[in-house]
PDB file of N, CA and C in Angstrom:
ATOM      1  N   TYR A   1       5.786   9.775   3.865  1.00  0.00           N
ATOM      2  CA  TYR A   1       6.676  10.652   4.820  1.00  0.00           C
ATOM      3  C   TYR A   1       5.579  11.804   4.849  1.00  0.00           C
ATOM      4  N   ASP A   2       4.935  12.390   4.477  1.00  0.00           N
ATOM      5  CA  ASP A   2       4.328  13.640   4.963  1.00  0.00           C
ATOM      6  C   ASP A   2       2.795  13.040   6.021  1.00  0.00           C
ATOM      7  N   VAL A   3       2.640  11.730   5.858  1.00  0.00           N
ATOM      8  CA  VAL A   3       2.010  11.272   7.333  1.00  0.00           C
ATOM      9  C   VAL A   3       2.852  11.211   8.216  1.00  0.00           C
ATOM     10  N   ALA A   4       3.585  10.302   7.947  1.00  0.00           N
ATOM     11  CA  ALA A   4       5.096  10.340   9.364  1.00  0.00           C
ATOM     12  C   ALA A   4       4.901  11.537  10.026  1.00  0.00           C
ATOM     13  N   HIS A   5       5.582  12.254   9.462  1.00  0.00           N
ATOM     14  CA  HIS A   5       5.855  13.936   9.537  1.00  0.00           C
ATOM     15  C   HIS A   5       4.025  14.403  10.478  1.00  0.00           C
ATOM     16  N   ALA A   6       3.759  14.274  10.257  1.00  0.00           N
ATOM     17  CA  ALA A   6       2.311  14.658  10.828  1.00  0.00           C
ATOM     18  C   ALA A   6       1.654  13.991  11.882  1.00  0.00           C
ATOM     19  N   THR A   7       2.191  12.601  12.208  1.00  0.00           N
ATOM     20  CA  THR A   7       2.113  11.454  13.734  1.00  0.00           C
ATOM     21  C   THR A   7       3.192  11.880  14.329  1.00  0.00           C
ATOM     22  N   GLY A   8       3.903  12.329  14.174  1.00  0.00           N
ATOM     23  CA  GLY A   8       5.205  12.930  14.716  1.00  0.00           C
ATOM     24  C   GLY A   8       5.998  11.436  15.051  1.00  0.00           C
ATOM     25  N   ILE A   9       5.761  11.116  13.447  1.00  0.00           N
ATOM     26  CA  ILE A   9       7.256   9.944  13.380  1.00  0.00           C
ATOM     27  C   ILE A   9       8.325  10.799  12.403  1.00  0.00           C
ATOM     28  N   ALA A  10       9.259  10.859  13.741  1.00  0.00           N
ATOM     29  CA  ALA A  10      10.385  11.481  12.402  1.00  0.00           C
ATOM     30  C   ALA A  10      11.543  10.280  12.346  1.00  0.00           C
ATOM     31  N   LEU A  11      11.407  10.736  10.503  1.00  0.00           N
ATOM     32  CA  LEU A  11      12.170   9.951   9.317  1.00  0.00           C
ATOM     33  C   LEU A  11      13.728  10.592   8.994  1.00  0.00           C
ATOM     34  N   PRO A  12      14.876   9.623   9.106  1.00  0.00           N
ATOM     35  CA  PRO A  12      16.239  10.180   8.685  1.00  0.00           C
ATOM     36  C   PRO A  12      16.231  11.438   7.394  1.00  0.00           C
ATOM     37  N   PRO A  13      16.292  12.187   7.116  1.00  0.00           N
ATOM     38  CA  PRO A  13      15.775  12.873   5.903  1.00  0.00           C
ATOM     39  C   PRO A  13      16.696  12.406   4.595  1.00  0.00           C
ATOM     40  N   GLU A  14      17.473  11.045   4.829  1.00  0.00           N
ATOM     41  CA  GLU A  14      17.555  10.347   3.472  1.00  0.00           C
ATOM     42  C   GLU A  14      16.903   9.300   3.486  1.00  0.00           C
ATOM     43  N   THR A  15      16.237   9.136   3.755  1.00  0.00           N
ATOM     44  CA  THR A  15      14.673   8.400   3.678  1.00  0.00           C
ATOM     45  C   THR A  15      14.360   8.278   2.327  1.00  0.00           C
ATOM     46  N   PHE A  16      14.039   9.232   1.979  1.00  0.00           N
ATOM     47  CA  PHE A  16      12.845   9.575   0.547  1.00  0.00           C
ATOM     48  C   PHE A  16      14.542   9.012  -0.513  1.00  0.00           C
ATOM     49  N   ALA A  17      15.006   9.504  -0.507  1.00  0.00           N
ATOM     50  CA  ALA A  17      16.656   9.165  -1.808  1.00  0.00           C
ATOM     51  C   ALA A  17      16.909   8.036  -1.469  1.00  0.00           C
ATOM     52  N   GLN A  18      16.961   7.178  -0.229  1.00  0.00           N
ATOM     53  CA  GLN A  18      16.967   5.581   0.063  1.00  0.00           C
ATOM     54  C   GLN A  18      15.904   4.708  -0.495  1.00  0.00           C
ATOM     55  N   THR A  19      14.239   5.369  -0.109  1.00  0.00           N
ATOM     56  CA  THR A  19      13.827   4.322  -0.718  1.00  0.00           C
ATOM     57  C   THR A  19      14.247   4.622  -1.545  1.00  0.00           C
ATOM     58  N   LEU A  20      13.866   5.416  -2.927  1.00  0.00           N
ATOM     59  CA  LEU A  20      13.357   5.557  -4.407  1.00  0.00           C
ATOM     60  C   LEU A  20      14.730   4.804  -4.902  1.00  0.00           C
ATOM     61  N   ALA A  21      16.139   4.386  -3.795  1.00  0.00           N
ATOM     62  CA  ALA A  21      16.378   4.580  -4.992  1.00  0.00           C
ATOM     63  C   ALA A  21      16.887   2.788  -4.879  1.00  0.00           C
ATOM     64  N   PHE A  22      16.350   2.175  -3.529  1.00  0.00           N
ATOM     65  CA  PHE A  22      15.553   0.979  -3.681  1.00  0.00           C
ATOM     66  C   PHE A  22      14.856   0.289  -4.252  1.00  0.00           C
ATOM     67  N   PHE A  23      13.585   0.943  -4.864  1.00  0.00           N
ATOM     68  CA  PHE A  23      13.513   0.763  -5.745  1.00  0.00           C
ATOM     69  C   PHE A  23      13.898   1.152  -7.431  1.00  0.00           C
ATOM     70  N   ASP A  24      14.801   1.675  -7.170  1.00  0.00           N
ATOM     71  CA  ASP A  24      15.267   1.348  -9.214  1.00  0.00           C
ATOM     72  C   ASP A  24      15.580   0.969  -9.108  1.00  0.00           C
ATOM     73  N   GLY A  25      15.964  -0.064  -7.994  1.00  0.00           N
ATOM     74  CA  GLY A  25      17.595  -1.340  -8.082  1.00  0.00           C
ATOM     75  C   GLY A  25      16.446  -2.521  -8.569  1.00  0.00           C
ATOM     76  N   ILE A  26      15.505  -2.332  -8.411  1.00  0.00           N
ATOM     77  CA  ILE A  26      14.074  -3.774  -8.570  1.00  0.00           C
ATOM     78  C   ILE A  26      14.325  -4.248 -10.147  1.00  0.00           C
ATOM     79  N   PRO A  27      14.565  -5.290 -10.269  1.00  0.00           N
ATOM     80  CA  PRO A  27      14.920  -5.376 -11.962  1.00  0.00           C
ATOM     81  C   PRO A  27      12.942  -5.554 -12.243  1.00  0.00           C
ATOM     82  N   ALA A  28      13.422  -4.797 -13.561  1.00  0.00           N
ATOM     83  CA  ALA A  28      12.060  -4.429 -14.474  1.00  0.00           C
ATOM     84  C   ALA A  28      10.838  -5.539 -14.225  1.00  0.00           C
ATOM     85  N   ASP A  29      11.124  -6.983 -14.174  1.00  0.00           N
ATOM     86  CA  ASP A  29      10.490  -7.978 -14.137  1.00  0.00           C
ATOM     87  C   ASP A  29       9.698  -8.122 -12.932  1.00  0.00           C
ATOM     88  N   GLY A  30      10.473  -7.545 -11.821  1.00  0.00           N
ATOM     89  CA  GLY A  30      10.747  -7.998 -10.398  1.00  0.00           C
ATOM     90  C   GLY A  30       8.354  -7.808 -10.080  1.00  0.00           C
ATOM     91  N   THR A  31       8.301  -8.599  -9.216  1.00  0.00           N
ATOM     92  CA  THR A  31       6.794  -8.543  -8.595  1.00  0.00           C
ATOM     93  C   THR A  31       6.974  -8.004  -7.107  1.00  0.00           C
ATOM     94  N   ALA A  32       5.637  -7.290  -6.207  1.00  0.00           N
ATOM     95  CA  ALA A  32       5.972  -7.541  -5.022  1.00  0.00           C
ATOM     96  C   ALA A  32       5.119  -8.284  -4.347  1.00  0.00           C
ATOM     97  N   SER A  33       5.469  -8.666  -3.385  1.00  0.00           N
ATOM     98  CA  SER A  33       4.357  -9.816  -2.881  1.00  0.00           C
ATOM     99  C   SER A  33       2.695  -9.856  -2.669  1.00  0.00           C
ATOM    100  N   MET A  34       2.816  -7.998  -2.406  1.00  0.00           N
ATOM    101  CA  MET A  34       0.871  -7.803  -2.690  1.00  0.00           C
ATOM    102  C   MET A  34       0.774  -8.370  -4.085  1.00  0.00           C
ATOM    103  N   GLN A  35       1.572  -8.130  -5.289  1.00  0.00           N
ATOM    104  CA  GLN A  35       1.132  -8.263  -6.466  1.00  0.00           C
ATOM    105  C   GLN A  35       1.251  -9.805  -7.178  1.00  0.00           C
ATOM    106  N   ARG A  36       1.835 -10.641  -6.360  1.00  0.00           N
ATOM    107  CA  ARG A  36       1.732 -11.928  -6.828  1.00  0.00           C
ATOM    108  C   ARG A  36       0.811 -12.936  -5.781  1.00  0.00           C
ATOM    109  N   ASP A  37       0.276 -12.237  -4.452  1.00  0.00           N
ATOM    110  CA  ASP A  37      -0.905 -12.039  -3.857  1.00  0.00           C
ATOM    111  C   ASP A  37      -2.212 -11.829  -4.352  1.00  0.00           C
ATOM    112  N   VAL A  38      -2.403 -11.196  -4.698  1.00  0.00           N
ATOM    113  CA  VAL A  38      -3.685 -10.710  -5.421  1.00  0.00           C
ATOM    114  C   VAL A  38      -3.560 -11.562  -6.903  1.00  0.00           C
ATOM    115  N   LEU A  39      -2.648 -11.568  -7.953  1.00  0.00           N
ATOM    116  CA  LEU A  39      -2.818 -12.424  -9.403  1.00  0.00           C
ATOM    117  C   LEU A  39      -3.229 -13.923  -8.351  1.00  0.00           C
ATOM    118  N   ALA A  40      -2.770 -14.422  -7.509  1.00  0.00           N
ATOM    119  CA  ALA A  40      -2.929 -15.437  -7.391  1.00  0.00           C
ATOM    120  C   ALA A  40      -4.515 -15.751  -6.147  1.00  0.00           C
ATOM    121  N   GLY A  41      -5.263 -14.818  -5.962  1.00  0.00           N
ATOM    122  CA  GLY A  41      -6.522 -14.599  -5.457  1.00  0.00           C
ATOM    123  C   GLY A  41      -6.424 -15.387  -3.739  1.00  0.00           C
ATOM    124  N   ARG A  42      -5.098 -14.397  -3.753  1.00  0.00           N
ATOM    125  CA  ARG A  42      -4.637 -15.155  -1.727  1.00  0.00           C
ATOM    126  C   ARG A  42      -4.932 -13.761  -0.978  1.00  0.00           C
ATOM    127  N   PRO A  43      -5.222 -13.449   0.214  1.00  0.00           N
ATOM    128  CA  PRO A  43      -4.994 -12.604   0.751  1.00  0.00           C
ATOM    129  C   PRO A  43      -3.681 -11.951   0.955  1.00  0.00           C
ATOM    130  N   SER A  44      -3.842 -10.731   0.859  1.00  0.00           N
ATOM    131  CA  SER A  44      -2.337  -9.751   0.444  1.00  0.00           C
ATOM    132  C   SER A  44      -2.194  -8.873   1.795  1.00  0.00           C
ATOM    133  N   GLU A  45      -1.248  -8.057   1.809  1.00  0.00           N
ATOM    134  CA  GLU A  45      -0.889  -6.767   2.494  1.00  0.00           C
ATOM    135  C   GLU A  45      -1.946  -5.729   2.687  1.00  0.00           C
ATOM    136  N   LEU A  46      -2.374  -5.220   2.255  1.00  0.00           N
ATOM    137  CA  LEU A  46      -3.166  -4.384   1.206  1.00  0.00           C
ATOM    138  C   LEU A  46      -3.530  -4.082   2.697  1.00  0.00           C
ATOM    139  N   GLU A  47      -4.018  -3.982   3.649  1.00  0.00           N
ATOM    140  CA  GLU A  47      -5.151  -3.233   4.855  1.00  0.00           C
ATOM    141  C   GLU A  47      -3.413  -2.771   5.931  1.00  0.00           C
ATOM    142  N   SER A  48      -2.512  -4.087   5.490  1.00  0.00           N
ATOM    143  CA  SER A  48      -1.377  -3.123   6.388  1.00  0.00           C
ATOM    144  C   SER A  48      -0.626  -2.248   5.965  1.00  0.00           C
ATOM    145  N   GLN A  49      -0.347  -2.555   4.975  1.00  0.00           N
ATOM    146  CA  GLN A  49       0.306  -1.566   4.373  1.00  0.00           C
ATOM    147  C   GLN A  49      -0.519   0.062   3.343  1.00  0.00           C
ATOM    148  N   ASN A  50      -1.290  -0.516   2.695  1.00  0.00           N
ATOM    149  CA  ASN A  50      -2.283   0.742   1.515  1.00  0.00           C
ATOM    150  C   ASN A  50      -3.104   1.350   2.734  1.00  0.00           C
ATOM    151  N   GLY A  51      -3.861   0.473   3.222  1.00  0.00           N
ATOM    152  CA  GLY A  51      -4.790   0.290   4.410  1.00  0.00           C
ATOM    153  C   GLY A  51      -4.057   1.639   5.361  1.00  0.00           C
ATOM    154  N   ALA A  52      -3.401   1.667   6.328  1.00  0.00           N
ATOM    155  CA  ALA A  52      -2.646   1.951   7.182  1.00  0.00           C
ATOM    156  C   ALA A  52      -2.288   3.337   6.609  1.00  0.00           C
ATOM    157  N   VAL A  53      -1.351   3.294   5.709  1.00  0.00           N
ATOM    158  CA  VAL A  53      -1.278   4.621   5.553  1.00  0.00           C
ATOM    159  C   VAL A  53      -2.386   5.489   4.985  1.00  0.00           C
ATOM    160  N   VAL A  54      -3.551   4.844   4.583  1.00  0.00           N
ATOM    161  CA  VAL A  54      -4.846   5.448   4.218  1.00  0.00           C
ATOM    162  C   VAL A  54      -5.622   6.583   5.489  1.00  0.00           C
ATOM    163  N   ARG A  55      -5.763   5.481   6.313  1.00  0.00           N
ATOM    164  CA  ARG A  55      -6.482   5.646   7.584  1.00  0.00           C
ATOM    165  C   ARG A  55      -5.549   6.762   8.603  1.00  0.00           C
ATOM    166  N   ALA A  56      -4.078   6.525   8.667  1.00  0.00           N
ATOM    167  CA  ALA A  56      -2.872   7.382   9.610  1.00  0.00           C
ATOM    168  C   ALA A  56      -3.446   9.042   8.454  1.00  0.00           C
ATOM    169  N   GLY A  57      -3.479   9.123   7.327  1.00  0.00           N
ATOM    170  CA  GLY A  57      -3.679  10.473   6.473  1.00  0.00           C
ATOM    171  C   GLY A  57      -4.959  10.636   7.308  1.00  0.00           C
ATOM    172  N   LEU A  58      -5.893  10.021   7.143  1.00  0.00           N
ATOM    173  CA  LEU A  58      -6.770  10.823   7.609  1.00  0.00           C
ATOM    174  C   LEU A  58      -6.965  11.033   8.960  1.00  0.00           C
ATOM    175  N   GLN A  59      -6.539  10.309   9.522  1.00  0.00           N
ATOM    176  CA  GLN A  59      -6.491  10.136  11.412  1.00  0.00           C
ATOM    177  C   GLN A  59      -5.364  12.078  11.321  1.00  0.00           C
ATOM    178  N   ALA A  60      -4.990  12.438  10.913  1.00  0.00           N
ATOM    179  CA  ALA A  60      -3.885  13.386  10.570  1.00  0.00           C
ATOM    180  C   ALA A  60      -3.801  14.755   9.932  1.00  0.00           C
ATOM    181  N   GLY A  61      -5.328  14.397   9.093  1.00  0.00           N
ATOM    182  CA  GLY A  61      -5.818  14.843   7.988  1.00  0.00           C
ATOM    183  C   GLY A  61      -4.159  15.126   6.529  1.00  0.00           C
ATOM    184  N   VAL A  62      -3.600  14.377   6.454  1.00  0.00           N
ATOM    185  CA  VAL A  62      -3.000  14.683   5.273  1.00  0.00           C
ATOM    186  C   VAL A  62      -3.625  13.817   3.990  1.00  0.00           C
ATOM    187  N   GLN A  63      -4.171  14.040   3.096  1.00  0.00           N
ATOM    188  CA  GLN A  63      -4.321  13.832   1.661  1.00  0.00           C
ATOM    189  C   GLN A  63      -3.039  12.527   0.887  1.00  0.00           C
ATOM    190  N   THR A  64      -3.775  11.158   1.278  1.00  0.00           N
ATOM    191  CA  THR A  64      -2.740  10.270   0.404  1.00  0.00           C
ATOM    192  C   THR A  64      -3.679   9.372  -0.653  1.00  0.00           C
ATOM    193  N   PRO A  65      -3.650  10.647  -1.727  1.00  0.00           N
ATOM    194  CA  PRO A  65      -4.337  10.416  -3.200  1.00  0.00           C
ATOM    195  C   PRO A  65      -3.540   8.719  -3.553  1.00  0.00           C
ATOM    196  N   LEU A  66      -2.835   8.156  -3.897  1.00  0.00           N
ATOM    197  CA  LEU A  66      -2.254   7.345  -4.520  1.00  0.00           C
ATOM    198  C   LEU A  66      -2.662   5.943  -3.519  1.00  0.00           C
ATOM    199  N   ASN A  67      -1.980   6.486  -1.934  1.00  0.00           N
ATOM    200  CA  ASN A  67      -2.636   4.922  -1.101  1.00  0.00           C
ATOM    201  C   ASN A  67      -4.004   4.871  -1.519  1.00  0.00           C
ATOM    202  N   GLU A  68      -5.356   5.894  -1.452  1.00  0.00           N
ATOM    203  CA  GLU A  68      -5.849   5.922  -1.197  1.00  0.00           C
ATOM    204  C   GLU A  68      -6.709   4.893  -2.633  1.00  0.00           C
ATOM    205  N   PHE A  69      -6.161   5.182  -3.997  1.00  0.00           N
ATOM    206  CA  PHE A  69      -6.902   4.648  -5.434  1.00  0.00           C
ATOM    207  C   PHE A  69      -6.114   3.492  -5.339  1.00  0.00           C
ATOM    208  N   ILE A  70      -4.788   3.087  -4.684  1.00  0.00           N
ATOM    209  CA  ILE A  70      -4.439   1.574  -4.483  1.00  0.00           C
ATOM    210  C   ILE A  70      -5.229   0.820  -4.018  1.00  0.00           C
ATOM    211  N   TYR A  71      -5.911   1.356  -2.770  1.00  0.00           N
ATOM    212  CA  TYR A  71      -6.978   0.908  -1.674  1.00  0.00           C
ATOM    213  C   TYR A  71      -7.850   0.574  -1.850  1.00  0.00           C
ATOM    214  N   HIS A  72      -8.825   1.889  -2.440  1.00  0.00           N
ATOM    215  CA  HIS A  72     -10.081   0.926  -3.206  1.00  0.00           C
ATOM    216  C   HIS A  72     -10.060  -0.078  -4.331  1.00  0.00           C
ATOM    217  N   ALA A  73      -9.202   0.706  -4.969  1.00  0.00           N
ATOM    218  CA  ALA A  73      -8.994  -0.201  -6.356  1.00  0.00           C
ATOM    219  C   ALA A  73      -8.393  -1.907  -6.376  1.00  0.00           C
ATOM    220  N   LEU A  74      -7.975  -2.132  -5.060  1.00  0.00           N
ATOM    221  CA  LEU A  74      -7.965  -3.752  -4.926  1.00  0.00           C
ATOM    222  C   LEU A  74      -8.686  -4.276  -3.963  1.00  0.00           C
ATOM    223  N   LEU A  75      -9.235  -3.050  -3.102  1.00  0.00           N
ATOM    224  CA  LEU A  75     -10.136  -3.664  -1.734  1.00  0.00           C
ATOM    225  C   LEU A  75     -11.215  -5.003  -2.267  1.00  0.00           C
ATOM    226  N   PRO A  76     -11.705  -4.789  -3.542  1.00  0.00           N
ATOM    227  CA  PRO A  76     -12.856  -5.935  -3.261  1.00  0.00           C
ATOM    228  C   PRO A  76     -12.250  -7.268  -4.070  1.00  0.00           C
ATOM    229  N   LEU A  77     -11.623  -7.065  -4.908  1.00  0.00           N
ATOM    230  CA  LEU A  77     -10.036  -8.303  -4.535  1.00  0.00           C
ATOM    231  C   LEU A  77      -9.564  -9.256  -3.832  1.00  0.00           C
ATOM    232  N   GLU A  78      -9.358  -7.908  -2.662  1.00  0.00           N
ATOM    233  CA  GLU A  78      -9.136  -8.567  -1.146  1.00  0.00           C
ATOM    234  C   GLU A  78     -10.468  -9.078  -0.130  1.00  0.00           C
ATOM    235  N   ARG A  79     -11.322  -8.283  -0.577  1.00  0.00           N
ATOM    236  CA  ARG A  79     -12.534  -9.233   0.054  1.00  0.00           C
ATOM    237  C   ARG A  79     -12.341 -10.768  -0.481  1.00  0.00           C
ATOM    238  N   ARG A  80     -12.179 -10.777  -1.400  1.00  0.00           N
ATOM    239  CA  ARG A  80     -13.086 -11.867  -2.489  1.00  0.00           C
ATOM    240  C   ARG A  80     -11.836 -13.247  -2.033  1.00  0.00           C
ATOM    241  N   ALA A  81     -10.482 -12.275  -1.612  1.00  0.00           N
ATOM    242  CA  ALA A  81      -9.730 -13.790  -1.399  1.00  0.00           C
ATOM    243  C   ALA A  81     -10.008 -13.629   0.232  1.00  0.00           C
ATOM    244  N   ARG A  82      -9.991 -13.263   1.225  1.00  0.00           N
ATOM    245  CA  ARG A  82     -10.456 -13.166   2.380  1.00  0.00           C
ATOM    246  C   ARG A  82     -12.269 -14.324   2.741  1.00  0.00           C
ATOM    247  N   GLY A  83     -12.779 -13.889   1.541  1.00  0.00           N
ATOM    248  CA  GLY A  83     -13.776 -14.801   1.549  1.00  0.00           C
ATOM    249  C   GLY A  83     -15.241 -13.564   2.135  1.00  0.00           C
ATOM    250  N   GLU A  84     -14.977 -13.041   2.349  1.00  0.00           N
ATOM    251  CA  GLU A  84     -16.252 -11.991   2.252  1.00  0.00           C
ATOM    252  C   GLU A  84     -16.652 -11.400   1.178  1.00  0.00           C
ATOM    253  N   LEU A  85     -16.574 -11.223   0.263  1.00  0.00           N
ATOM    254  CA  LEU A  85     -17.252 -11.262  -1.215  1.00  0.00           C
ATOM    255  C   LEU A  85     -16.810 -11.591  -2.272  1.00  0.00           C
ATOM    256  N   SER A  86     -18.225 -12.602  -2.411  1.00  0.00           N
ATOM    257  CA  SER A  86     -18.253 -13.520  -4.058  1.00  0.00           C
ATOM    258  C   SER A  86     -18.360 -12.659  -4.839  1.00  0.00           C
ATOM    259  N   PHE A  87     -17.504 -12.581  -6.343  1.00  0.00           N
ATOM    260  CA  PHE A  87     -18.128 -12.242  -7.607  1.00  0.00           C
ATOM    261  C   PHE A  87     -17.133 -13.035  -8.498  1.00  0.00           C
ATOM    262  N   PRO A  88     -17.358 -13.318 -10.114  1.00  0.00           N
ATOM    263  CA  PRO A  88     -16.742 -13.390 -10.853  1.00  0.00           C
ATOM    264  C   PRO A  88     -15.867 -12.987 -11.210  1.00  0.00           C
ATOM    265  N   ILE A  89     -14.481 -13.928 -11.920  1.00  0.00           N
ATOM    266  CA  ILE A  89     -12.942 -12.854 -12.630  1.00  0.00           C
ATOM    267  C   ILE A  89     -13.534 -13.587 -13.654  1.00  0.00           C
TER     268      ILE A  89
END
């Protein structure tokens, strides 16, 4: 939300509450497509989701600590899935 606001993207006031309600409705055993891709060793949406938020935050001067953590924690696995890095698991 802060990154969107800082970059001039006007989100409706209810966006935050609607997003939380969406996640609250996901079953406890549900998984995201990125999680399934990472676990299967396939390329994921890491760059277009978390990476994009990190880059936009840097450009706008907005800290994105959670997205930065997720991005940097998963980046080696993403690079491995794309054949850019090799290491045993």
